[in-house]
Amino acid sequence: MFDGDKFMTRGVHESIPIDLQLFIWEAIANMPAPKDYFQVFDLKIENGMQVIHHYSEQPEYNKTYILTVVERPISAKIYVIDDYFEDEDKHISTMLLAEEY
């Protein structure tokens, strides 16, 4: 899961800094298996720092990151969804803003 092609929506491309996009992909890559196909990232600004709460439901997963060196902290909710295409035996992952879902 999450090891195939990776895509992002226009909303992510235009509003989420590249360093945060890369951090989110890395957070998914480093989480333990098994992984839920639907990952959620709540981004908030607290005391000038970027706080990222990463969670999923099945299996339940929760982790919070505090990034002190972020050029432009933001507030947003991001989903990352992994789709499996059985006929092609391939995974495709998409990063999107919650409001684009």
PDB file of N, CA and C in Angstrom:
ATOM      1  N   MET A   1       0.819  -1.190   0.000  1.00  0.00           N
ATOM      2  CA  MET A   1       0.000   0.000   0.000  1.00  0.00           C
ATOM      3  C   MET A   1       0.866   1.259   0.000  1.00  0.00           C
ATOM      4  N   PHE A   2       0.428   2.270  -0.697  1.00  0.00           N
ATOM      5  CA  PHE A   2       1.116   3.563  -0.789  1.00  0.00           C
ATOM      6  C   PHE A   2       2.509   3.446  -1.404  1.00  0.00           C
ATOM      7  N   ASP A   3       2.755   2.361  -2.153  1.00  0.00           N
ATOM      8  CA  ASP A   3       4.088   2.200  -2.737  1.00  0.00           C
ATOM      9  C   ASP A   3       4.073   2.334  -4.264  1.00  0.00           C
ATOM     10  N   GLY A   4       2.915   2.693  -4.818  1.00  0.00           N
ATOM     11  CA  GLY A   4       2.824   2.870  -6.266  1.00  0.00           C
ATOM     12  C   GLY A   4       2.959   4.329  -6.661  1.00  0.00           C
ATOM     13  N   ASP A   5       2.347   4.672  -7.783  1.00  0.00           N
ATOM     14  CA  ASP A   5       2.376   6.052  -8.271  1.00  0.00           C
ATOM     15  C   ASP A   5       1.685   6.979  -7.284  1.00  0.00           C
ATOM     16  N   LYS A   6       2.175   8.195  -7.167  1.00  0.00           N
ATOM     17  CA  LYS A   6       1.630   9.191  -6.250  1.00  0.00           C
ATOM     18  C   LYS A   6       1.170  10.420  -7.033  1.00  0.00           C
ATOM     19  N   PHE A   7      -0.017  10.887  -6.673  1.00  0.00           N
ATOM     20  CA  PHE A   7      -0.598  12.051  -7.319  1.00  0.00           C
ATOM     21  C   PHE A   7      -1.109  13.021  -6.272  1.00  0.00           C
ATOM     22  N   MET A   8      -1.345  14.254  -6.691  1.00  0.00           N
ATOM     23  CA  MET A   8      -1.964  15.247  -5.816  1.00  0.00           C
ATOM     24  C   MET A   8      -2.971  16.032  -6.637  1.00  0.00           C
ATOM     25  N   THR A   9      -3.953  16.567  -5.946  1.00  0.00           N
ATOM     26  CA  THR A   9      -4.947  17.395  -6.620  1.00  0.00           C
ATOM     27  C   THR A   9      -4.388  18.799  -6.827  1.00  0.00           C
ATOM     28  N   ARG A  10      -5.101  19.562  -7.623  1.00  0.00           N
ATOM     29  CA  ARG A  10      -4.717  20.951  -7.866  1.00  0.00           C
ATOM     30  C   ARG A  10      -4.709  21.742  -6.556  1.00  0.00           C
ATOM     31  N   GLY A  11      -5.688  21.470  -5.678  1.00  0.00           N
ATOM     32  CA  GLY A  11      -5.757  22.175  -4.395  1.00  0.00           C
ATOM     33  C   GLY A  11      -4.522  21.965  -3.548  1.00  0.00           C
ATOM     34  N   VAL A  12      -4.038  20.735  -3.481  1.00  0.00           N
ATOM     35  CA  VAL A  12      -2.807  20.450  -2.738  1.00  0.00           C
ATOM     36  C   VAL A  12      -1.635  21.148  -3.406  1.00  0.00           C
ATOM     37  N   HIS A  13      -1.541  21.031  -4.718  1.00  0.00           N
ATOM     38  CA  HIS A  13      -0.438  21.646  -5.461  1.00  0.00           C
ATOM     39  C   HIS A  13      -0.366  23.156  -5.229  1.00  0.00           C
ATOM     40  N   GLU A  14      -1.521  23.799  -5.171  1.00  0.00           N
ATOM     41  CA  GLU A  14      -1.550  25.255  -5.050  1.00  0.00           C
ATOM     42  C   GLU A  14      -1.483  25.774  -3.618  1.00  0.00           C
ATOM     43  N   SER A  15      -1.846  24.958  -2.625  1.00  0.00           N
ATOM     44  CA  SER A  15      -1.947  25.509  -1.267  1.00  0.00           C
ATOM     45  C   SER A  15      -1.073  24.846  -0.209  1.00  0.00           C
ATOM     46  N   ILE A  16      -0.493  23.692  -0.504  1.00  0.00           N
ATOM     47  CA  ILE A  16       0.330  22.994   0.486  1.00  0.00           C
ATOM     48  C   ILE A  16       1.795  23.086   0.045  1.00  0.00           C
ATOM     49  N   PRO A  17       2.655  23.701   0.870  1.00  0.00           N
ATOM     50  CA  PRO A  17       4.075  23.812   0.498  1.00  0.00           C
ATOM     51  C   PRO A  17       4.703  22.437   0.247  1.00  0.00           C
ATOM     52  N   ILE A  18       5.629  22.399  -0.679  1.00  0.00           N
ATOM     53  CA  ILE A  18       6.256  21.138  -1.079  1.00  0.00           C
ATOM     54  C   ILE A  18       6.910  20.423   0.105  1.00  0.00           C
ATOM     55  N   ASP A  19       7.504  21.165   1.044  1.00  0.00           N
ATOM     56  CA  ASP A  19       8.137  20.502   2.177  1.00  0.00           C
ATOM     57  C   ASP A  19       7.112  19.749   3.022  1.00  0.00           C
ATOM     58  N   LEU A  20       5.902  20.269   3.144  1.00  0.00           N
ATOM     59  CA  LEU A  20       4.853  19.577   3.888  1.00  0.00           C
ATOM     60  C   LEU A  20       4.302  18.393   3.091  1.00  0.00           C
ATOM     61  N   GLN A  21       4.189  18.528   1.786  1.00  0.00           N
ATOM     62  CA  GLN A  21       3.767  17.395   0.959  1.00  0.00           C
ATOM     63  C   GLN A  21       4.731  16.230   1.129  1.00  0.00           C
ATOM     64  N   LEU A  22       6.013  16.524   1.027  1.00  0.00           N
ATOM     65  CA  LEU A  22       7.027  15.474   1.172  1.00  0.00           C
ATOM     66  C   LEU A  22       7.012  14.873   2.574  1.00  0.00           C
ATOM     67  N   PHE A  23       6.806  15.698   3.587  1.00  0.00           N
ATOM     68  CA  PHE A  23       6.729  15.199   4.957  1.00  0.00           C
ATOM     69  C   PHE A  23       5.567  14.207   5.104  1.00  0.00           C
ATOM     70  N   ILE A  24       4.420  14.531   4.525  1.00  0.00           N
ATOM     71  CA  ILE A  24       3.251  13.650   4.616  1.00  0.00           C
ATOM     72  C   ILE A  24       3.519  12.311   3.931  1.00  0.00           C
ATOM     73  N   TRP A  25       4.096  12.331   2.737  1.00  0.00           N
ATOM     74  CA  TRP A  25       4.427  11.066   2.064  1.00  0.00           C
ATOM     75  C   TRP A  25       5.400  10.250   2.912  1.00  0.00           C
ATOM     76  N   GLU A  26       6.365  10.918   3.512  1.00  0.00           N
ATOM     77  CA  GLU A  26       7.358  10.223   4.342  1.00  0.00           C
ATOM     78  C   GLU A  26       6.718   9.652   5.611  1.00  0.00           C
ATOM     79  N   ALA A  27       5.782  10.388   6.212  1.00  0.00           N
ATOM     80  CA  ALA A  27       5.086   9.902   7.414  1.00  0.00           C
ATOM     81  C   ALA A  27       4.327   8.616   7.102  1.00  0.00           C
ATOM     82  N   ILE A  28       3.699   8.552   5.949  1.00  0.00           N
ATOM     83  CA  ILE A  28       2.987   7.332   5.555  1.00  0.00           C
ATOM     84  C   ILE A  28       3.971   6.193   5.315  1.00  0.00           C
ATOM     85  N   ALA A  29       5.063   6.482   4.638  1.00  0.00           N
ATOM     86  CA  ALA A  29       6.057   5.445   4.350  1.00  0.00           C
ATOM     87  C   ALA A  29       6.647   4.863   5.633  1.00  0.00           C
ATOM     88  N   ASN A  30       6.791   5.675   6.663  1.00  0.00           N
ATOM     89  CA  ASN A  30       7.435   5.233   7.895  1.00  0.00           C
ATOM     90  C   ASN A  30       6.491   4.650   8.942  1.00  0.00           C
ATOM     91  N   MET A  31       5.179   4.673   8.680  1.00  0.00           N
ATOM     92  CA  MET A  31       4.257   4.120   9.669  1.00  0.00           C
ATOM     93  C   MET A  31       4.258   2.596   9.585  1.00  0.00           C
ATOM     94  N   PRO A  32       3.909   1.928  10.694  1.00  0.00           N
ATOM     95  CA  PRO A  32       3.930   0.462  10.689  1.00  0.00           C
ATOM     96  C   PRO A  32       2.797  -0.136   9.850  1.00  0.00           C
ATOM     97  N   ALA A  33       3.027  -1.327   9.344  1.00  0.00           N
ATOM     98  CA  ALA A  33       1.986  -2.072   8.626  1.00  0.00           C
ATOM     99  C   ALA A  33       1.183  -2.855   9.664  1.00  0.00           C
ATOM    100  N   PRO A  34      -0.048  -3.174   9.389  1.00  0.00           N
ATOM    101  CA  PRO A  34      -0.816  -2.830   8.203  1.00  0.00           C
ATOM    102  C   PRO A  34      -1.268  -1.377   8.230  1.00  0.00           C
ATOM    103  N   LYS A  35      -1.551  -0.844   7.058  1.00  0.00           N
ATOM    104  CA  LYS A  35      -1.955   0.551   6.930  1.00  0.00           C
ATOM    105  C   LYS A  35      -3.373   0.626   6.360  1.00  0.00           C
ATOM    106  N   ASP A  36      -4.140   1.572   6.864  1.00  0.00           N
ATOM    107  CA  ASP A  36      -5.466   1.854   6.312  1.00  0.00           C
ATOM    108  C   ASP A  36      -5.274   2.529   4.957  1.00  0.00           C
ATOM    109  N   TYR A  37      -6.156   2.253   4.030  1.00  0.00           N
ATOM    110  CA  TYR A  37      -6.069   2.871   2.697  1.00  0.00           C
ATOM    111  C   TYR A  37      -6.368   4.375   2.748  1.00  0.00           C
ATOM    112  N   PHE A  38      -6.933   4.846   3.871  1.00  0.00           N
ATOM    113  CA  PHE A  38      -7.380   6.232   4.004  1.00  0.00           C
ATOM    114  C   PHE A  38      -6.647   6.877   5.180  1.00  0.00           C
ATOM    115  N   GLN A  39      -5.715   7.773   4.891  1.00  0.00           N
ATOM    116  CA  GLN A  39      -4.922   8.455   5.914  1.00  0.00           C
ATOM    117  C   GLN A  39      -5.380   9.912   6.007  1.00  0.00           C
ATOM    118  N   VAL A  40      -5.426  10.425   7.244  1.00  0.00           N
ATOM    119  CA  VAL A  40      -5.885  11.792   7.482  1.00  0.00           C
ATOM    120  C   VAL A  40      -4.779  12.580   8.181  1.00  0.00           C
ATOM    121  N   PHE A  41      -4.578  13.810   7.722  1.00  0.00           N
ATOM    122  CA  PHE A  41      -3.594  14.712   8.319  1.00  0.00           C
ATOM    123  C   PHE A  41      -4.278  16.036   8.620  1.00  0.00           C
ATOM    124  N   ASP A  42      -4.347  16.388   9.908  1.00  0.00           N
ATOM    125  CA  ASP A  42      -4.860  17.694  10.336  1.00  0.00           C
ATOM    126  C   ASP A  42      -3.662  18.593  10.584  1.00  0.00           C
ATOM    127  N   LEU A  43      -3.546  19.659   9.822  1.00  0.00           N
ATOM    128  CA  LEU A  43      -2.445  20.602   9.976  1.00  0.00           C
ATOM    129  C   LEU A  43      -2.957  21.846  10.684  1.00  0.00           C
ATOM    130  N   LYS A  44      -2.254  22.242  11.724  1.00  0.00           N
ATOM    131  CA  LYS A  44      -2.637  23.424  12.494  1.00  0.00           C
ATOM    132  C   LYS A  44      -1.390  24.233  12.819  1.00  0.00           C
ATOM    133  N   ILE A  45      -1.603  25.508  13.113  1.00  0.00           N
ATOM    134  CA  ILE A  45      -0.515  26.383  13.543  1.00  0.00           C
ATOM    135  C   ILE A  45      -0.692  26.618  15.037  1.00  0.00           C
ATOM    136  N   GLU A  46       0.340  26.295  15.819  1.00  0.00           N
ATOM    137  CA  GLU A  46       0.313  26.535  17.260  1.00  0.00           C
ATOM    138  C   GLU A  46       1.630  27.191  17.661  1.00  0.00           C
ATOM    139  N   ASN A  47       1.525  28.381  18.230  1.00  0.00           N
ATOM    140  CA  ASN A  47       2.714  29.134  18.666  1.00  0.00           C
ATOM    141  C   ASN A  47       3.736  29.285  17.544  1.00  0.00           C
ATOM    142  N   GLY A  48       3.251  29.516  16.336  1.00  0.00           N
ATOM    143  CA  GLY A  48       4.132  29.725  15.193  1.00  0.00           C
ATOM    144  C   GLY A  48       4.744  28.448  14.633  1.00  0.00           C
ATOM    145  N   MET A  49       4.390  27.305  15.213  1.00  0.00           N
ATOM    146  CA  MET A  49       4.934  26.024  14.751  1.00  0.00           C
ATOM    147  C   MET A  49       3.866  25.249  13.981  1.00  0.00           C
ATOM    148  N   GLN A  50       4.316  24.367  13.109  1.00  0.00           N
ATOM    149  CA  GLN A  50       3.410  23.509  12.356  1.00  0.00           C
ATOM    150  C   GLN A  50       3.152  22.248  13.161  1.00  0.00           C
ATOM    151  N   VAL A  51       1.882  22.012  13.497  1.00  0.00           N
ATOM    152  CA  VAL A  51       1.489  20.794  14.200  1.00  0.00           C
ATOM    153  C   VAL A  51       0.695  19.945  13.219  1.00  0.00           C
ATOM    154  N   ILE A  52       1.091  18.677  13.110  1.00  0.00           N
ATOM    155  CA  ILE A  52       0.437  17.750  12.189  1.00  0.00           C
ATOM    156  C   ILE A  52      -0.044  16.546  12.976  1.00  0.00           C
ATOM    157  N   HIS A  53      -1.352  16.347  12.979  1.00  0.00           N
ATOM    158  CA  HIS A  53      -1.932  15.171  13.612  1.00  0.00           C
ATOM    159  C   HIS A  53      -2.307  14.194  12.509  1.00  0.00           C
ATOM    160  N   HIS A  54      -1.655  13.032  12.519  1.00  0.00           N
ATOM    161  CA  HIS A  54      -1.846  12.000  11.501  1.00  0.00           C
ATOM    162  C   HIS A  54      -2.646  10.868  12.130  1.00  0.00           C
ATOM    163  N   TYR A  55      -3.737  10.462  11.473  1.00  0.00           N
ATOM    164  CA  TYR A  55      -4.519   9.354  12.021  1.00  0.00           C
ATOM    165  C   TYR A  55      -5.228   8.568  10.924  1.00  0.00           C
ATOM    166  N   SER A  56      -5.630   7.353  11.298  1.00  0.00           N
ATOM    167  CA  SER A  56      -6.442   6.486  10.445  1.00  0.00           C
ATOM    168  C   SER A  56      -7.288   5.603  11.351  1.00  0.00           C
ATOM    169  N   GLU A  57      -8.270   4.923  10.756  1.00  0.00           N
ATOM    170  CA  GLU A  57      -9.236   4.165  11.546  1.00  0.00           C
ATOM    171  C   GLU A  57      -8.971   2.670  11.627  1.00  0.00           C
ATOM    172  N   GLN A  58      -8.648   2.006  10.517  1.00  0.00           N
ATOM    173  CA  GLN A  58      -8.511   0.547  10.507  1.00  0.00           C
ATOM    174  C   GLN A  58      -7.181   0.122   9.900  1.00  0.00           C
ATOM    175  N   PRO A  59      -6.195  -0.247  10.653  1.00  0.00           N
ATOM    176  CA  PRO A  59      -6.177  -0.245  12.112  1.00  0.00           C
ATOM    177  C   PRO A  59      -6.025   1.179  12.637  1.00  0.00           C
ATOM    178  N   GLU A  60      -6.442   1.363  13.866  1.00  0.00           N
ATOM    179  CA  GLU A  60      -6.360   2.698  14.461  1.00  0.00           C
ATOM    180  C   GLU A  60      -4.902   3.135  14.578  1.00  0.00           C
ATOM    181  N   TYR A  61      -4.670   4.379  14.189  1.00  0.00           N
ATOM    182  CA  TYR A  61      -3.314   4.933  14.230  1.00  0.00           C
ATOM    183  C   TYR A  61      -3.423   6.412  14.567  1.00  0.00           C
ATOM    184  N   ASN A  62      -2.577   6.879  15.475  1.00  0.00           N
ATOM    185  CA  ASN A  62      -2.521   8.292  15.856  1.00  0.00           C
ATOM    186  C   ASN A  62      -1.086   8.681  16.123  1.00  0.00           C
ATOM    187  N   LYS A  63      -0.668   9.765  15.519  1.00  0.00           N
ATOM    188  CA  LYS A  63       0.664  10.300  15.798  1.00  0.00           C
ATOM    189  C   LYS A  63       0.623  11.801  15.542  1.00  0.00           C
ATOM    190  N   THR A  64       1.257  12.556  16.412  1.00  0.00           N
ATOM    191  CA  THR A  64       1.323  14.002  16.256  1.00  0.00           C
ATOM    192  C   THR A  64       2.775  14.422  16.080  1.00  0.00           C
ATOM    193  N   TYR A  65       2.994  15.271  15.099  1.00  0.00           N
ATOM    194  CA  TYR A  65       4.320  15.815  14.807  1.00  0.00           C
ATOM    195  C   TYR A  65       4.284  17.315  15.074  1.00  0.00           C
ATOM    196  N   ILE A  66       5.361  17.838  15.633  1.00  0.00           N
ATOM    197  CA  ILE A  66       5.515  19.286  15.806  1.00  0.00           C
ATOM    198  C   ILE A  66       6.771  19.687  15.046  1.00  0.00           C
ATOM    199  N   LEU A  67       6.577  20.491  14.011  1.00  0.00           N
ATOM    200  CA  LEU A  67       7.698  20.927  13.179  1.00  0.00           C
ATOM    201  C   LEU A  67       8.033  22.367  13.530  1.00  0.00           C
ATOM    202  N   THR A  68       9.239  22.581  14.003  1.00  0.00           N
ATOM    203  CA  THR A  68       9.634  23.916  14.443  1.00  0.00           C
ATOM    204  C   THR A  68      10.253  24.742  13.318  1.00  0.00           C
ATOM    205  N   VAL A  69      10.715  24.062  12.272  1.00  0.00           N
ATOM    206  CA  VAL A  69      11.353  24.776  11.167  1.00  0.00           C
ATOM    207  C   VAL A  69      10.531  24.554   9.899  1.00  0.00           C
ATOM    208  N   VAL A  70       9.497  25.365   9.750  1.00  0.00           N
ATOM    209  CA  VAL A  70       8.659  25.328   8.555  1.00  0.00           C
ATOM    210  C   VAL A  70       8.555  26.759   8.061  1.00  0.00           C
ATOM    211  N   GLU A  71       8.852  26.951   6.793  1.00  0.00           N
ATOM    212  CA  GLU A  71       8.865  28.302   6.232  1.00  0.00           C
ATOM    213  C   GLU A  71       7.503  28.988   6.346  1.00  0.00           C
ATOM    214  N   ARG A  72       6.448  28.241   6.053  1.00  0.00           N
ATOM    215  CA  ARG A  72       5.115  28.825   6.049  1.00  0.00           C
ATOM    216  C   ARG A  72       4.105  27.847   6.652  1.00  0.00           C
ATOM    217  N   PRO A  73       3.938  27.851   8.001  1.00  0.00           N
ATOM    218  CA  PRO A  73       2.962  26.941   8.603  1.00  0.00           C
ATOM    219  C   PRO A  73       1.550  27.261   8.100  1.00  0.00           C
ATOM    220  N   ILE A  74       0.720  26.224   7.996  1.00  0.00           N
ATOM    221  CA  ILE A  74      -0.632  26.398   7.475  1.00  0.00           C
ATOM    222  C   ILE A  74      -1.627  25.579   8.290  1.00  0.00           C
ATOM    223  N   SER A  75      -2.893  25.888   8.094  1.00  0.00           N
ATOM    224  CA  SER A  75      -3.979  25.083   8.654  1.00  0.00           C
ATOM    225  C   SER A  75      -4.725  24.457   7.487  1.00  0.00           C
ATOM    226  N   ALA A  76      -4.883  23.133   7.535  1.00  0.00           N
ATOM    227  CA  ALA A  76      -5.589  22.417   6.471  1.00  0.00           C
ATOM    228  C   ALA A  76      -5.858  20.997   6.939  1.00  0.00           C
ATOM    229  N   LYS A  77      -6.807  20.347   6.284  1.00  0.00           N
ATOM    230  CA  LYS A  77      -7.035  18.916   6.483  1.00  0.00           C
ATOM    231  C   LYS A  77      -6.765  18.246   5.149  1.00  0.00           C
ATOM    232  N   ILE A  78      -5.910  17.217   5.203  1.00  0.00           N
ATOM    233  CA  ILE A  78      -5.483  16.531   3.993  1.00  0.00           C
ATOM    234  C   ILE A  78      -5.800  15.049   4.119  1.00  0.00           C
ATOM    235  N   TYR A  79      -6.332  14.487   3.031  1.00  0.00           N
ATOM    236  CA  TYR A  79      -6.548  13.051   2.943  1.00  0.00           C
ATOM    237  C   TYR A  79      -5.538  12.474   1.960  1.00  0.00           C
ATOM    238  N   VAL A  80      -5.060  11.270   2.268  1.00  0.00           N
ATOM    239  CA  VAL A  80      -4.249  10.525   1.312  1.00  0.00           C
ATOM    240  C   VAL A  80      -4.919   9.160   1.166  1.00  0.00           C
ATOM    241  N   ILE A  81      -5.327   8.847  -0.055  1.00  0.00           N
ATOM    242  CA  ILE A  81      -6.104   7.636  -0.320  1.00  0.00           C
ATOM    243  C   ILE A  81      -5.313   6.733  -1.267  1.00  0.00           C
ATOM    244  N   ASP A  82      -5.203   5.464  -0.883  1.00  0.00           N
ATOM    245  CA  ASP A  82      -4.532   4.478  -1.720  1.00  0.00           C
ATOM    246  C   ASP A  82      -5.597   3.631  -2.412  1.00  0.00           C
ATOM    247  N   ASP A  83      -5.556   3.593  -3.728  1.00  0.00           N
ATOM    248  CA  ASP A  83      -6.473   2.765  -4.513  1.00  0.00           C
ATOM    249  C   ASP A  83      -5.689   1.618  -5.122  1.00  0.00           C
ATOM    250  N   TYR A  84      -6.285   0.424  -5.063  1.00  0.00           N
ATOM    251  CA  TYR A  84      -5.674  -0.756  -5.684  1.00  0.00           C
ATOM    252  C   TYR A  84      -6.467  -1.133  -6.923  1.00  0.00           C
ATOM    253  N   PHE A  85      -5.778  -1.263  -8.033  1.00  0.00           N
ATOM    254  CA  PHE A  85      -6.395  -1.650  -9.291  1.00  0.00           C
ATOM    255  C   PHE A  85      -5.998  -3.091  -9.584  1.00  0.00           C
ATOM    256  N   GLU A  86      -6.909  -3.991  -9.249  1.00  0.00           N
ATOM    257  CA  GLU A  86      -6.622  -5.424  -9.319  1.00  0.00           C
ATOM    258  C   GLU A  86      -6.262  -5.884 -10.725  1.00  0.00           C
ATOM    259  N   ASP A  87      -6.987  -5.396 -11.731  1.00  0.00           N
ATOM    260  CA  ASP A  87      -6.724  -5.835 -13.103  1.00  0.00           C
ATOM    261  C   ASP A  87      -5.323  -5.457 -13.579  1.00  0.00           C
ATOM    262  N   GLU A  88      -4.755  -4.412 -12.978  1.00  0.00           N
ATOM    263  CA  GLU A  88      -3.392  -3.992 -13.333  1.00  0.00           C
ATOM    264  C   GLU A  88      -2.391  -4.354 -12.246  1.00  0.00           C
ATOM    265  N   ASP A  89      -2.890  -4.879 -11.116  1.00  0.00           N
ATOM    266  CA  ASP A  89      -2.064  -5.212  -9.951  1.00  0.00           C
ATOM    267  C   ASP A  89      -1.158  -4.045  -9.575  1.00  0.00           C
ATOM    268  N   LYS A  90      -1.807  -2.868  -9.373  1.00  0.00           N
ATOM    269  CA  LYS A  90      -1.011  -1.698  -9.012  1.00  0.00           C
ATOM    270  C   LYS A  90      -1.771  -0.786  -8.071  1.00  0.00           C
ATOM    271  N   HIS A  91      -1.007  -0.087  -7.239  1.00  0.00           N
ATOM    272  CA  HIS A  91      -1.542   0.889  -6.302  1.00  0.00           C
ATOM    273  C   HIS A  91      -1.294   2.289  -6.838  1.00  0.00           C
ATOM    274  N   ILE A  92      -2.271   3.162  -6.633  1.00  0.00           N
ATOM    275  CA  ILE A  92      -2.120   4.584  -6.942  1.00  0.00           C
ATOM    276  C   ILE A  92      -2.600   5.357  -5.723  1.00  0.00           C
ATOM    277  N   SER A  93      -1.776   6.270  -5.235  1.00  0.00           N
ATOM    278  CA  SER A  93      -2.107   7.065  -4.057  1.00  0.00           C
ATOM    279  C   SER A  93      -2.356   8.519  -4.467  1.00  0.00           C
ATOM    280  N   THR A  94      -3.379   9.114  -3.851  1.00  0.00           N
ATOM    281  CA  THR A  94      -3.732  10.487  -4.175  1.00  0.00           C
ATOM    282  C   THR A  94      -3.815  11.308  -2.908  1.00  0.00           C
ATOM    283  N   MET A  95      -3.167  12.472  -2.916  1.00  0.00           N
ATOM    284  CA  MET A  95      -3.225  13.429  -1.810  1.00  0.00           C
ATOM    285  C   MET A  95      -4.201  14.532  -2.206  1.00  0.00           C
ATOM    286  N   LEU A  96      -5.186  14.801  -1.332  1.00  0.00           N
ATOM    287  CA  LEU A  96      -6.174  15.827  -1.643  1.00  0.00           C
ATOM    288  C   LEU A  96      -6.594  16.569  -0.393  1.00  0.00           C
ATOM    289  N   LEU A  97      -7.068  17.798  -0.590  1.00  0.00           N
ATOM    290  CA  LEU A  97      -7.626  18.565   0.508  1.00  0.00           C
ATOM    291  C   LEU A  97      -8.978  17.966   0.873  1.00  0.00           C
ATOM    292  N   ALA A  98      -9.344  18.023   2.144  1.00  0.00           N
ATOM    293  CA  ALA A  98     -10.615  17.448   2.594  1.00  0.00           C
ATOM    294  C   ALA A  98     -11.788  18.027   1.809  1.00  0.00           C
ATOM    295  N   GLU A  99     -11.745  19.306   1.491  1.00  0.00           N
ATOM    296  CA  GLU A  99     -12.869  19.907   0.776  1.00  0.00           C
ATOM    297  C   GLU A  99     -12.954  19.465  -0.686  1.00  0.00           C
ATOM    298  N   GLU A 100     -11.936  18.789  -1.178  1.00  0.00           N
ATOM    299  CA  GLU A 100     -11.964  18.262  -2.539  1.00  0.00           C
ATOM    300  C   GLU A 100     -12.524  16.843  -2.604  1.00  0.00           C
ATOM    301  N   TYR A 101     -12.781  16.251  -1.454  1.00  0.00           N
ATOM    302  CA  TYR A 101     -13.256  14.862  -1.384  1.00  0.00           C
ATOM    303  C   TYR A 101     -14.691  14.739  -1.813  1.00  0.00           C
TER     304      TYR A 101
END
